[in-house]
Every structure is written in C-alpha cells, then in structure tokens.
Protein backbone atom coordinates (compact mmCIF):
# COMPACT_ATOMS: atom_id res chain seq x y z
CA MET A 1 0.00 0.00 0.00
CA ASN A 2 1.41 3.44 -0.95
CA ASN A 3 1.61 6.48 1.35
CA SER A 4 -1.54 8.16 -0.03
CA GLY A 5 -3.57 4.97 0.49
CA THR A 6 -2.25 4.67 4.02
CA LEU A 7 -3.16 8.31 4.76
CA ALA A 8 -6.68 7.83 3.39
CA LEU A 9 -7.18 4.72 5.50
CA ARG A 10 -6.04 6.58 8.61
CA VAL A 11 -8.38 9.53 7.89
CA SER A 12 -11.30 7.11 7.47
CA ALA A 13 -10.44 5.42 10.74
CA LEU A 14 -10.28 8.82 12.52
CA MET A 15 -13.71 9.82 11.14
CA ALA A 16 -15.21 6.51 12.23
CA ALA A 17 -13.74 6.88 15.69
CA ALA A 18 -15.05 10.44 15.97
CA PHE A 19 -18.52 9.26 14.95
CA VAL A 20 -18.45 6.58 17.66
CA LEU A 21 -17.39 9.22 20.21
CA LEU A 22 -20.34 11.47 19.24
CA ILE A 23 -22.76 8.58 19.65
CA ALA A 24 -21.20 7.75 23.02
CA CYS A 25 -21.51 11.35 24.24
CA ALA A 26 -25.13 11.53 23.07
CA ALA A 27 -25.89 8.29 24.87
CA GLN A 28 -24.35 9.62 28.06
CA GLU A 29 -26.36 12.90 27.87
CA SER A 30 -29.61 11.02 27.30
CA THR A 31 -29.06 8.70 30.26
CA PRO A 32 -31.36 9.56 33.19
CA ALA A 33 -29.82 10.76 36.43
CA ALA A 34 -31.32 7.93 38.41
CA ALA A 35 -30.04 5.04 36.38
CA SER A 36 -30.59 1.41 37.30
CA PRO A 37 -27.64 -0.83 38.29
CA SER A 38 -27.70 -2.47 34.88
CA GLY A 39 -27.62 0.98 33.31
CA ASP A 40 -24.58 1.91 35.38
CA ALA A 41 -22.79 -1.20 34.18
CA SER A 42 -23.60 -0.32 30.59
CA LEU A 43 -22.30 3.19 31.11
CA ARG A 44 -19.06 1.89 32.59
CA GLU A 45 -18.60 -0.49 29.69
CA LEU A 46 -19.31 2.30 27.21
CA ASP A 47 -16.88 4.59 29.00
CA SER A 48 -14.21 1.90 28.83
CA GLN A 49 -14.78 1.50 25.09
CA VAL A 50 -14.52 5.27 24.63
CA ARG A 51 -11.16 5.33 26.42
CA GLU A 52 -9.90 2.46 24.25
CA LEU A 53 -10.99 4.34 21.11
CA ARG A 54 -9.18 7.44 22.30
CA ALA A 55 -6.02 5.41 22.87
CA VAL A 56 -6.30 3.96 19.35
CA ILE A 57 -6.75 7.44 17.90
CA GLU A 58 -3.68 8.75 19.73
CA GLN A 59 -1.61 5.83 18.47
CA MET A 60 -2.82 6.44 14.90
CA ARG A 61 -1.94 10.12 15.23
CA ALA A 62 1.58 9.26 16.38
CA GLU A 63 2.06 6.83 13.49
CA ASN A 64 0.71 9.43 11.05
CA VAL A 65 3.19 12.01 12.33
CA GLN A 66 6.04 9.51 12.02
CA SER A 67 5.02 8.58 8.46
CA ARG A 68 4.85 12.24 7.43
CA ALA A 69 8.30 12.89 8.89
CA GLU A 70 9.76 9.95 6.96
CA MET A 71 8.08 11.14 3.76
CA ARG A 72 9.58 14.62 4.25
CA GLU A 73 13.04 13.10 4.73
CA LEU A 74 12.71 11.06 1.52
CA ARG A 75 11.51 14.12 -0.43
CA GLN A 76 14.43 16.16 0.91
CA GLU A 77 16.92 13.46 -0.13
CA LEU A 78 15.40 13.35 -3.61
CA GLN A 79 15.56 17.14 -3.89
CA ASP A 80 19.22 17.13 -2.78
CA THR A 81 20.02 14.53 -5.43
CA ARG A 82 18.30 16.58 -8.12
CA LYS A 83 20.28 19.65 -7.05
CA LEU A 84 23.49 17.69 -7.49
CA LEU A 85 22.38 16.59 -10.95
CA ALA A 86 21.32 20.09 -12.04
CA PRO A 87 24.87 21.34 -12.93
CA LEU A 88 25.50 18.22 -14.99
CA THR A 89 22.25 18.72 -16.89
CA ALA A 90 23.01 22.41 -17.51
CA SER A 91 26.52 21.54 -18.71
CA ALA A 92 25.12 18.97 -21.09
CA ASN A 93 22.62 21.42 -22.54
CA ALA A 94 25.21 24.23 -22.86
CA ARG A 95 27.93 22.08 -24.47
CA PRO A 96 28.27 22.89 -28.22
CA SER A 97 27.76 20.23 -30.81
CA PRO A 98 30.78 18.51 -32.43
CA ALA A 99 30.27 20.48 -35.66
CA GLU A 100 30.27 23.81 -33.84
CA SER A 101 33.41 22.85 -31.89
CA ALA A 102 35.21 21.87 -35.04
CA SER A 103 34.18 25.05 -36.83
CA ALA A 104 35.30 27.26 -33.93
CA SER A 105 38.70 25.61 -33.56
CA GLY A 106 39.35 25.07 -37.22
CA ASP A 107 40.13 21.40 -36.50
CA SER A 108 37.98 18.91 -38.34
CA THR A 109 40.13 15.83 -37.90
CA PRO A 110 38.46 12.58 -36.84
CA ALA A 111 40.61 12.46 -33.70
CA ALA A 112 39.12 15.71 -32.42
CA ARG A 113 35.63 14.40 -32.94
CA VAL A 114 36.44 11.20 -31.07
CA ASP A 115 38.01 12.94 -28.04
CA SER A 116 34.99 15.21 -27.47
CA PRO A 117 31.90 13.10 -26.61
CA PRO A 118 28.63 14.28 -28.13
CA ALA A 119 26.32 16.30 -25.93
CA GLY A 120 23.57 13.81 -26.58
CA ASP A 121 25.59 11.05 -24.93
CA LEU A 122 26.14 13.13 -21.79
CA GLY A 123 22.48 14.08 -21.70
CA SER A 124 21.45 10.44 -21.99
CA ARG A 125 23.81 9.52 -19.13
CA VAL A 126 22.28 12.25 -16.96
CA GLN A 127 18.80 10.98 -17.86
CA ARG A 128 19.78 7.44 -16.92
CA LEU A 129 21.18 8.75 -13.63
CA GLU A 130 17.90 10.52 -12.87
CA GLU A 131 15.99 7.31 -13.65
CA SER A 132 18.30 5.41 -11.28
CA THR A 133 17.62 8.02 -8.59
CA GLN A 134 13.88 7.61 -9.02
CA LEU A 135 14.28 3.82 -8.88
CA LEU A 136 16.30 4.17 -5.69
CA GLY A 137 13.56 6.32 -4.17
CA SER A 138 10.93 3.71 -5.02
CA LYS A 139 13.14 1.01 -3.50
CA ILE A 140 13.39 3.05 -0.29
CA ASP A 141 9.60 3.32 -0.16
CA GLU A 142 9.30 -0.40 -0.79
CA GLN A 143 11.84 -1.16 1.93
CA TYR A 144 9.90 1.00 4.39
CA GLN A 145 6.65 -0.78 3.58
CA THR A 146 8.22 -4.25 3.90
CA LYS A 147 10.12 -3.62 7.14
CA VAL A 148 10.08 -6.19 9.95
CA GLU A 149 6.72 -5.92 11.68
CA THR A 150 6.29 -6.28 15.45
CA ALA A 151 3.30 -6.49 17.77
CA ALA A 152 4.29 -3.08 19.14
CA LYS A 153 4.65 0.08 17.09
CA TYR A 154 8.43 0.23 17.50
CA ARG A 155 10.97 -0.62 14.83
CA ALA A 156 12.83 -3.94 14.74
CA ARG A 157 15.86 -5.03 12.72
CA LEU A 158 16.84 -8.58 11.79
CA SER A 159 20.52 -9.38 11.25
CA GLY A 160 22.96 -12.25 11.36
CA ILE A 161 25.20 -14.46 9.26
CA VAL A 162 24.68 -17.76 7.47
CA LEU A 163 28.11 -19.37 7.81
CA MET A 164 29.49 -22.53 6.23
CA ASN A 165 32.76 -24.02 7.52
CA ALA A 166 34.70 -26.83 5.90
CA PHE A 167 37.76 -28.03 7.85
CA HIS A 168 40.57 -30.54 7.87
CA ASN A 169 42.15 -31.51 11.20
CA VAL A 170 45.39 -33.31 11.98
CA GLY A 171 45.41 -34.36 15.63
CA ALA A 172 42.71 -34.71 18.28
CA SER A 173 41.07 -31.94 20.26
CA ASP A 174 38.23 -31.20 22.66
CA ASN A 175 35.95 -30.22 19.75
CA PHE A 176 36.03 -31.39 16.14
CA ASP A 177 34.74 -28.35 14.23
CA PHE A 178 36.11 -25.45 16.34
CA PRO A 179 38.84 -26.88 18.62
CA ASN A 180 39.88 -25.04 21.79
CA TYR A 181 42.74 -27.21 23.05
CA ALA A 182 44.59 -30.31 21.85
CA GLN A 183 44.44 -33.70 23.54
CA PRO A 184 45.71 -37.22 22.84
CA GLY A 185 43.64 -39.16 20.32
CA PRO A 186 42.19 -42.60 20.95
CA PRO A 187 44.72 -45.38 20.32
CA ALA A 188 44.81 -47.03 16.90
CA THR A 189 42.81 -44.23 15.23
CA ASN A 190 43.62 -42.03 12.27
CA GLN A 191 44.68 -38.55 13.43
CA SER A 192 43.55 -36.94 10.15
CA SER A 193 39.89 -35.97 9.74
CA PHE A 194 37.65 -33.84 7.53
CA GLY A 195 34.23 -32.31 8.17
CA ALA A 196 31.86 -29.41 7.54
CA THR A 197 29.21 -27.56 9.53
CA VAL A 198 26.78 -24.65 9.42
CA ARG A 199 25.95 -24.70 13.14
CA GLN A 200 27.95 -21.50 13.72
CA THR A 201 25.26 -19.59 11.80
CA GLU A 202 23.96 -16.69 13.92
CA ILE A 203 20.59 -14.91 13.95
CA GLY A 204 20.09 -11.61 15.74
CA LEU A 205 17.10 -9.36 16.37
CA GLU A 206 17.33 -5.77 17.57
CA VAL A 207 14.31 -3.79 18.78
CA PHE A 208 14.27 0.00 19.17
CA GLY A 209 11.92 1.08 21.94
CA PRO A 210 10.58 4.38 23.26
CA THR A 211 12.53 7.24 24.78
CA LEU A 212 12.51 7.17 28.59
CA ALA A 213 13.76 10.11 30.65
CA GLY A 214 15.80 11.29 27.68
CA ALA A 215 17.34 7.84 27.04
CA LYS A 216 16.87 5.80 23.89
CA SER A 217 15.82 2.26 24.77
CA SER A 218 16.70 -0.82 22.75
CA ALA A 219 17.05 -4.57 23.12
CA ASN A 220 18.79 -7.30 21.17
CA ILE A 221 19.03 -11.07 21.17
CA VAL A 222 21.43 -13.40 19.30
CA PHE A 223 21.06 -17.15 18.68
CA ASP A 224 23.24 -19.78 17.08
CA PHE A 225 22.91 -23.52 16.52
CA ALA A 226 25.85 -24.75 18.61
CA GLY A 227 23.87 -25.82 21.67
CA GLY A 228 24.52 -29.53 21.24
CA PHE A 229 23.28 -32.39 19.08
CA PRO A 230 19.99 -34.28 19.08
CA SER A 231 20.28 -38.00 19.76
CA THR A 232 19.27 -39.11 16.28
CA ASN A 233 20.87 -40.35 13.08
CA ASN A 234 23.23 -37.72 11.65
CA GLY A 235 22.42 -35.54 14.63
CA VAL A 236 25.74 -33.75 14.17
CA ASN A 237 24.11 -31.91 11.26
CA LEU A 238 21.11 -30.84 13.36
CA GLY A 239 22.60 -28.40 15.83
CA LEU A 240 20.37 -27.29 18.70
CA VAL A 241 19.42 -23.64 19.03
CA ARG A 242 21.35 -21.80 21.75
CA MET A 243 20.94 -18.29 23.13
CA GLN A 244 24.20 -16.35 23.17
CA THR A 245 23.18 -12.89 24.34
CA ALA A 246 19.96 -11.07 25.19
CA SER A 247 20.27 -7.58 26.65
CA LEU A 248 18.37 -4.34 27.13
CA ARG A 249 19.92 -0.85 26.91
CA LEU A 250 19.14 2.70 27.96
CA ASP A 251 21.44 5.14 26.17
CA TRP A 252 21.82 8.80 27.06
CA LYS A 253 24.35 11.04 25.36
CA HIS A 254 27.18 10.16 27.76
CA THR A 255 25.73 7.37 29.93
CA SER A 256 24.41 3.88 29.23
CA VAL A 257 22.73 1.23 31.39
CA VAL A 258 22.82 -2.37 30.15
CA ALA A 259 20.99 -5.33 31.70
CA GLY A 260 20.77 -8.90 30.43
CA GLN A 261 23.00 -11.70 29.25
CA ASP A 262 25.95 -10.18 27.43
CA SER A 263 29.64 -10.68 26.68
CA LEU A 264 32.19 -9.66 29.30
CA PHE A 265 32.45 -5.86 29.21
CA PHE A 266 35.83 -6.00 30.99
CA SER A 267 37.24 -8.27 28.26
CA PRO A 268 35.64 -6.85 25.09
CA LEU A 269 38.09 -7.84 22.33
CA SER A 270 38.62 -11.11 20.46
CA PRO A 271 40.83 -12.15 17.54
CA THR A 272 39.34 -11.92 14.05
CA SER A 273 38.28 -15.40 12.97
CA PHE A 274 35.30 -16.81 11.06
CA ALA A 275 36.45 -20.34 11.83
CA SER A 276 35.36 -19.91 15.45
CA LEU A 277 32.18 -17.95 16.22
CA ALA A 278 30.38 -20.37 18.55
CA THR A 279 33.25 -19.76 20.98
CA PRO A 280 35.64 -16.84 20.39
CA ALA A 281 39.02 -17.73 18.93
CA PHE A 282 41.49 -18.94 21.61
CA ALA A 283 38.74 -18.92 24.25
CA TYR A 284 40.89 -21.28 26.39
CA ALA A 285 44.26 -19.85 25.39
CA GLY A 286 44.31 -16.46 27.08
CA ASN A 287 41.13 -14.91 25.63
CA LEU A 288 38.78 -14.41 28.60
CA TRP A 289 35.15 -14.74 27.52
CA GLY A 290 31.64 -15.63 28.60
CA TRP A 291 28.00 -14.78 27.93
CA THR A 292 26.93 -13.91 31.44
CA PRO A 293 23.82 -12.30 33.00
CA GLN A 294 24.87 -8.87 34.25
CA VAL A 295 23.89 -5.28 35.00
CA ARG A 296 26.40 -2.54 34.19
CA ILE A 297 26.66 1.23 33.94
CA GLU A 298 29.09 3.10 31.72
CA HIS A 299 29.83 6.80 31.41
CA ARG A 300 31.83 8.55 28.71
CA PHE A 301 33.84 11.73 29.33
CA ASP A 302 34.80 13.82 26.29
CA LEU A 303 38.32 14.99 27.13
CA SER A 304 38.59 16.78 23.78
CA ASP A 305 37.15 16.61 20.30
CA GLN A 306 38.99 13.34 19.67
CA GLN A 307 39.73 11.85 23.10
CA THR A 308 37.25 9.94 25.28
CA LEU A 309 37.53 8.38 28.73
CA THR A 310 35.04 5.57 29.43
CA LEU A 311 34.31 4.21 32.94
CA GLN A 312 32.34 0.98 33.35
CA GLY A 313 31.21 -0.94 36.40
CA GLY A 314 28.76 -3.74 37.04
CA ILE A 315 27.73 -6.93 38.78
CA LEU A 316 27.56 -10.35 37.14
CA ASP A 317 26.11 -13.77 37.84
CA ASN A 318 28.93 -15.50 39.74
CA LEU A 319 29.36 -18.54 37.48
CA ASN A 320 32.22 -21.07 37.74
CA TRP A 321 32.14 -23.12 34.52
CA GLU A 322 30.30 -26.03 36.18
CA PRO A 323 27.93 -28.08 34.02
CA PRO A 324 24.27 -28.20 35.16
CA ARG A 325 23.47 -30.88 37.73
CA ASP A 326 20.06 -31.55 36.18
CA GLN A 327 18.59 -31.23 32.69
CA PHE A 328 15.41 -29.45 33.80
CA PHE A 329 16.02 -27.92 37.26
CA ARG A 330 18.64 -25.36 38.20
CA PHE A 331 20.87 -25.56 41.26
CA PRO A 332 23.36 -22.90 42.44
CA GLN A 333 27.02 -23.14 41.46
CA ALA A 334 29.87 -22.48 43.85
CA GLY A 335 30.01 -18.76 43.06
CA GLU A 336 26.25 -18.36 43.42
CA GLN A 337 26.32 -20.24 46.74
CA SER A 338 28.52 -17.46 48.15
CA GLY A 339 25.39 -15.31 48.34
CA GLN A 340 26.81 -12.41 46.34
CA PRO A 341 27.44 -11.53 42.69
CA ALA A 342 30.76 -11.06 40.98
CA TYR A 343 32.02 -7.50 40.53
CA ALA A 344 33.96 -5.90 37.66
CA VAL A 345 35.20 -2.44 36.63
CA ARG A 346 36.93 -1.12 33.53
CA SER A 347 38.49 2.18 32.48
CA ALA A 348 39.38 2.91 28.84
CA TRP A 349 40.99 5.85 27.05
CA SER A 350 40.44 6.15 23.30
CA ARG A 351 40.93 8.48 20.36
CA THR A 352 41.10 8.20 16.56
CA VAL A 353 44.37 7.73 14.68
CA HIS A 354 44.62 6.99 10.94
CA ASP A 355 40.78 6.68 10.87
CA HIS A 356 41.03 3.78 13.35
CA PRO A 357 40.40 3.68 17.12
CA LEU A 358 43.40 3.90 19.41
CA SER A 359 42.44 2.60 22.86
CA ILE A 360 44.12 1.38 26.04
CA ALA A 361 42.13 -0.02 28.96
CA VAL A 362 42.58 -1.66 32.37
CA ALA A 363 40.00 -3.74 34.24
CA GLY A 364 39.50 -5.77 37.39
CA TYR A 365 37.26 -8.67 38.48
CA TYR A 366 36.37 -10.25 41.84
CA GLY A 367 34.05 -13.09 42.85
CA ARG A 368 33.79 -15.15 46.03
CA GLN A 369 33.15 -18.91 45.76
CA ASN A 370 31.67 -21.33 48.31
CA TRP A 371 32.59 -24.95 47.60
CA SER A 372 30.62 -26.14 50.70
CA TRP A 373 31.90 -27.40 54.01
CA GLY A 374 33.48 -24.03 54.76
CA ARG A 375 35.74 -24.07 51.71
CA TYR A 376 35.85 -20.55 50.26
CA ILE A 377 37.92 -19.20 47.37
CA ASP A 378 38.41 -15.52 46.52
CA ALA A 379 38.63 -15.38 42.73
CA TRP A 380 40.19 -12.29 41.17
CA ALA A 381 41.77 -11.08 37.95
CA GLY A 382 43.40 -7.96 36.54
CA MET A 383 43.21 -7.32 32.80
CA THR A 384 44.35 -4.90 30.15
CA ASP A 385 43.40 -4.58 26.47
CA TRP A 386 44.65 -2.40 23.63
CA GLN A 387 44.08 -1.35 20.01
CA ILE A 388 46.98 0.50 18.39
CA PRO A 389 46.93 1.66 14.73
CA ILE A 390 50.62 1.42 13.83
CA LEU A 391 50.02 2.57 10.26
CA ARG A 392 46.91 3.41 8.31
CA ARG A 393 46.56 -0.23 7.24
CA LEU A 394 48.32 -1.96 10.13
CA THR A 395 46.73 -2.42 13.58
CA LEU A 396 47.95 -4.18 16.71
CA SER A 397 45.36 -5.37 19.25
CA GLY A 398 45.22 -7.80 22.15
CA GLU A 399 44.52 -8.58 25.80
CA PHE A 400 46.45 -9.81 28.84
CA TYR A 401 45.26 -11.07 32.23
CA ARG A 402 46.62 -12.36 35.54
CA GLY A 403 44.28 -14.02 38.02
CA ARG A 404 43.35 -16.78 40.41
CA GLY A 405 40.34 -19.09 40.45
CA VAL A 406 38.80 -17.53 37.33
CA GLY A 407 38.21 -20.66 35.30
CA GLY A 408 34.61 -19.48 34.99
CA LEU A 409 35.93 -16.85 32.56
CA GLY A 410 37.81 -19.42 30.50
CA ALA A 411 41.11 -18.77 32.28
CA ALA A 412 43.49 -21.61 33.21
CA ILE A 413 41.90 -23.59 30.34
CA GLY A 414 38.58 -23.59 32.23
CA GLN A 415 39.97 -24.92 35.54
CA PRO A 416 38.94 -22.71 38.53
CA ILE A 417 40.22 -24.93 41.38
CA LEU A 418 42.30 -28.00 42.16
CA PHE A 419 41.27 -30.87 44.45
CA GLY A 420 44.04 -32.13 46.70
CA ASP A 421 42.12 -35.31 47.61
CA ASP A 422 39.15 -37.32 46.40
CA PRO A 423 36.53 -34.76 45.19
CA SER A 424 33.73 -36.92 46.61
CA ASN A 425 35.20 -36.35 50.09
CA PRO A 426 33.49 -33.22 51.52
CA PHE A 427 36.67 -32.41 53.45
CA ALA A 428 38.99 -32.66 50.44
CA ARG A 429 41.40 -29.75 50.24
CA ILE A 430 40.95 -27.27 47.39
CA ARG A 431 43.08 -24.51 45.93
CA GLY A 432 42.30 -21.71 43.50
CA LEU A 433 44.44 -22.15 40.41
CA ASP A 434 46.72 -19.21 39.54
CA SER A 435 47.11 -18.42 35.86
CA ALA A 436 48.19 -15.77 33.39
CA GLY A 437 47.66 -15.40 29.68
CA GLY A 438 46.71 -13.27 26.75
CA TRP A 439 46.73 -12.87 23.00
CA SER A 440 47.91 -10.35 20.44
CA GLN A 441 46.82 -9.81 16.84
CA LEU A 442 48.40 -7.98 13.92
CA LYS A 443 45.86 -6.94 11.26
CA PHE A 444 47.04 -5.83 7.80
CA GLN A 445 44.31 -4.24 5.66
CA LEU A 446 45.67 -4.82 2.17
CA THR A 447 42.63 -3.27 0.44
CA PRO A 448 39.20 -2.21 1.68
CA LYS A 449 38.00 -5.71 0.75
CA LEU A 450 41.01 -7.84 1.74
CA GLU A 451 42.69 -8.25 5.12
CA VAL A 452 45.29 -10.57 6.64
CA ASN A 453 45.41 -11.43 10.37
CA GLY A 454 48.06 -13.12 12.47
CA VAL A 455 47.46 -14.07 16.13
CA PHE A 456 49.52 -15.62 18.91
CA ALA A 457 47.92 -16.66 22.22
CA GLU A 458 48.79 -18.54 25.41
CA ASP A 459 47.19 -19.49 28.72
CA ASN A 460 49.51 -20.68 31.48
CA ALA A 461 48.12 -22.37 34.60
CA PHE A 462 50.93 -22.25 37.16
CA ALA A 463 52.43 -25.72 37.52
CA SER A 464 53.79 -24.73 40.93
CA ASP A 465 50.18 -24.68 42.21
CA VAL A 466 49.71 -28.23 40.97
CA ARG A 467 52.83 -30.18 41.82
CA GLY A 468 52.85 -31.51 45.35
CA PHE A 469 49.16 -30.69 45.86
CA ALA A 470 46.97 -32.21 43.13
CA THR A 471 47.06 -35.28 40.89
CA ASP A 472 45.19 -36.23 37.74
CA ALA A 473 43.29 -38.95 39.64
CA ASN A 474 41.77 -36.35 41.99
CA ASN A 475 40.79 -33.88 39.26
CA PHE A 476 38.70 -35.82 36.75
CA GLY A 477 41.51 -36.35 34.25
CA ASP A 478 44.58 -34.52 32.98
CA ILE A 479 45.41 -31.22 34.67
CA LEU A 480 46.26 -28.88 31.80
CA GLY A 481 49.18 -26.59 32.54
CA ARG A 482 49.57 -24.58 29.34
CA ASN A 483 47.62 -24.04 26.13
CA ARG A 484 49.42 -22.27 23.30
CA GLY A 485 47.89 -21.29 19.97
CA ALA A 486 48.62 -19.43 16.75
CA LEU A 487 46.60 -18.69 13.63
CA GLY A 488 46.82 -16.89 10.33
CA ASN A 489 43.86 -16.10 8.12
CA VAL A 490 42.83 -14.17 5.05
CA VAL A 491 39.40 -12.53 4.92
CA TYR A 492 38.04 -11.33 1.57
CA ARG A 493 34.79 -9.37 1.24
CA PRO A 494 33.91 -8.99 -2.46
CA ARG A 495 30.65 -7.39 -1.32
CA SER A 496 29.65 -5.89 2.00
CA ASP A 497 27.29 -8.82 2.64
CA LEU A 498 29.54 -11.63 1.36
CA LEU A 499 32.75 -12.91 2.92
CA LEU A 500 35.26 -15.65 2.14
CA SER A 501 37.97 -16.72 4.57
CA ALA A 502 40.80 -19.24 4.77
CA GLU A 503 42.53 -19.95 8.07
CA PHE A 504 45.27 -22.15 9.49
CA ARG A 505 45.27 -22.74 13.27
CA ARG A 506 47.70 -24.62 15.48
CA LEU A 507 47.11 -25.61 19.11
CA ARG A 508 49.72 -27.13 21.42
CA THR A 509 48.52 -28.16 24.90
CA PHE A 510 50.77 -29.21 27.79
CA PRO A 511 49.30 -31.35 30.60
CA VAL A 512 51.24 -31.11 33.88
CA TYR A 513 51.88 -34.84 34.24
CA ASN A 514 51.79 -35.99 30.57
CA SER A 515 53.35 -35.13 27.24
CA ALA A 516 52.07 -32.35 24.99
CA SER A 517 49.49 -32.80 22.21
CA VAL A 518 49.24 -30.88 18.94
CA THR A 519 46.25 -30.15 16.69
CA ASN A 520 46.39 -28.39 13.32
CA GLN A 521 43.30 -27.21 11.46
CA VAL A 522 42.76 -25.75 8.00
CA ASN A 523 39.37 -24.03 7.81
CA LEU A 524 37.57 -22.57 4.78
CA SER A 525 34.60 -20.29 5.50
CA MET A 526 31.89 -18.72 3.39
CA GLY A 527 29.26 -16.45 4.86
CA ILE A 528 26.34 -14.26 3.83
CA LEU A 529 25.51 -11.41 6.18
CA PHE A 530 22.00 -10.05 6.44
C-alpha cells in the first residue's frame, strides 16, 4: 500500500472513531440521572470502550506524524540529489555540438571528434542517472513498507550471518569443528579428519523502543545452533538452538545502562576469525570470555574533540564453569552459593588515529566462591586490552590477564580450582588455580576488501600450584598446565554482505603430568551477512 492509500485509510479510521465518540456522548447525555444498576454497568462499559478508542486514535496520530516525517526526509533526499544533478544537466545542454566545436577551432580531424563526446551522450547519461535516482527512491519506499513488523509500534531489525565451515584436522582436540585445546587421540585411530558444519550460523534481532527520561531504549538477542546435538541419526548436522546474548539498553548522550546476558564488558576484544564464532578464537588460550547475566553502567567523558575516557562498572552472575546438575532444574554453582554476585570495573581511554580507534584499557574482576563445608575461594583477575593503529593499514590489538580461580571466565583452560584429595570427600582440600595469559593480533588491511590477520595466544596455569598438591586422579583427568595457539587467516569481502575466509590454526597443549598434544586445522569459510 502506498503512502496516499495509508493516509486515506487513517483519515477514514479517525472519522469513524469520531462518529463513535459522538454517539457515546449523546448516549451519556440522554441517560437519566437515576439510572438502574444495569444501566450503570452499561455506562461503565461504554466509557471503557470510549477510552480504548481514544487510545487507538492517539496511536494512529503518532504513526501518522512519524510517516509524514519519513516522507519529508525522503523528499528532501530526492531534492538534494536533483540539485546535485542540475549542474551536470546544464553543462550537457550548454555544451556545443561537435560540428560547432570543429568550426570554432578550425580542426575537423576525426581524432578531435572522437576525443569530445557528443552532448547527446552526456544528456542520456544524466537521464539514466535521474531514472536510477527515481528507482532508488521507489526502492526506499518499498523497503519502508516491507520492514520487519512487530506487535508493538516500535521498529525492529533482523541481522545475522549464514556461515558454512569446511575443515581438515590433523590431531585430536576437545571439539572437532572449532577446537579449543589439543588432547591425545584414541589409540589405533587415524589422526587426520575432515568435516563441515553450518551450526555456527547466527541470527540476531534488535528492537528500538521508546525514549525514557531522555534515554533511547533498545534490546537485542542473538542465537546460534551450537547448543549440542539431538540423539538421532546424523544428529551432528542438526545443531540445537542456543541463546548467546539477550540484553536491554538505555542510552543517554554520555551514559548507558545495560541489563541482560551479554559478553564480558571488561574483556571486550577477540581475535578476528570466522572459523570460530560459537566460541571466540582462543577462548581457552588467554582470551577471557563468557555470555553472562549482568547489569552494568558506563559513562563517557569527552576529554577533547577526539579523546574519550570511558568508565564501566557492574555486577555479574557469579558462574564457575560447572555443568548443570540436572537437565530441567537449576541448582546454584559455587560462586552463586557465596550469596553475592561477581564484581567488575573497567576504564578505557580512546581516540582516533589513521581513521582507526586507538584505545588502552585496564580492568578488574572479583568473585567469592563457596565450595561447601566451609571451603571458600576468593577469585580475582586484573586485565588490560589495547588497540593500536601502527600505520593506516596496520593495527595491533590484544589482551592480557593475571588471576586466580577464574576458570569461569575461560582462564586456566577452564579450571577454577584443584582438588588435593578425592573430590567426593566433603573435606577434600581445594586450591584456586593461579594463571596468566593473553593474546595479540596484527591486522594488515591490504585493500578495503582484503585483510590478513596473524594471532599468537597462550594461557599458562601455574604448575607450581599443581605439583605436590593435586594429581590427575583427583581432578577428573589430565590437569592442563599450558595451552598455546597461533593462527593466520585471510578474509576477503567482495561485497559488504559476502565474505570468504581461509585460516590455518595450530594448538599445542601441555598437561602437567603428561606429554604435549598438537592439533592443526585448516578451515575454509563462506558467509552471507543479512
């Protein structure tokens, strides 16, 4: 339906609503003063209907105002485009014909006639450009009319990526399609394997809500299909839907409030990789990560026209990387049993250099854990992250952390504590595992469509905390002491919504009491963004 049809429909609806209001008012005036109880009920029902009609009319007025504003914006854009085309049209009309040019210059050679394009050709190009502009305007109108509809009157936007990964692995790992650390393979098995998956496809929905106390409200949710596998034939191709993030925002000019399940705001960066989206690249090799329920506040100070200081602070669900005890019912983890959330703060300074952000930040994290029977652990970590444009096309970025008992953030290869005795013994000694790690990436933007990335990462769980205190038998398998990784990839974007990537990744994992294992992966990715 076009804009004029929509306006006519709204005017008709307004006239109908006004007619109903007149009838309602007349009915109220004609009602006797001493009405019966049934008459009072009818009046109340009629009054309720009148209020509902008024609310509908107000909503239609607001939508009408919004539609008119959008129509004015489109008309203004079209007028601006025509103004830009006007000089070209005037130049085409004023340009002399080839015969007149030749007569004025006294040069009638064929070369002169070839070098000077006829005015008719330029005029036809301008005409085609105007037709393209009109077509673009009609496409904009069509896009507005076919936007994502919601039950509310507020705008929604659908986005995501359909991603296909084909990969070849040499060596065993914790996960076949996007490995996080290497491990010994089963005996008498081939260490070379090939596979493909689309379960790292992501779907996101963003909703833009009303303005509240001067703040723009919005919400977003992101899903993927890496939540596990159904127990059926070829179930590895039928990935289960999993919620990654779901958050709500209130954004003022310099302040934002965010509530929901979101990525770690005190560890915001990750290496560039389309081979690993379901978990960030090197998630267990120095890249702290997690999708955690949280509430945070951030404020931005403009130090100058180009420099900004951002302060962030919040509380988080105090999770410890424990699997659920039950498939349907939830029980508290060790951090949640402490009776308090985890706390985190971050401070970042940023400015723009070579059209790229230059930023340096420091952050801190603390969470208390109760492992029952009076066994408490104080988990903490200090972090820093950076983005440094070395040249216009060369950028260095990365993160580093040092902490204790923060396996719930992916540190120490996901190991928060060590058991000194049998874990089934309620009086078994425990110890928070100290660790340090980080990653660094060098990005080279060869062209606007082609980039090359190189990354090195490492997570080191301190072996001194392990030896003499814990054994593999008391900790559900090998205690991993170090996980080291490196990758190189090429990302090509022939169009803004199409990407192709090739990546080589190598993981080398060192258990404390066993020999190291190595996994190499070659991954080819193709994705369509929407």
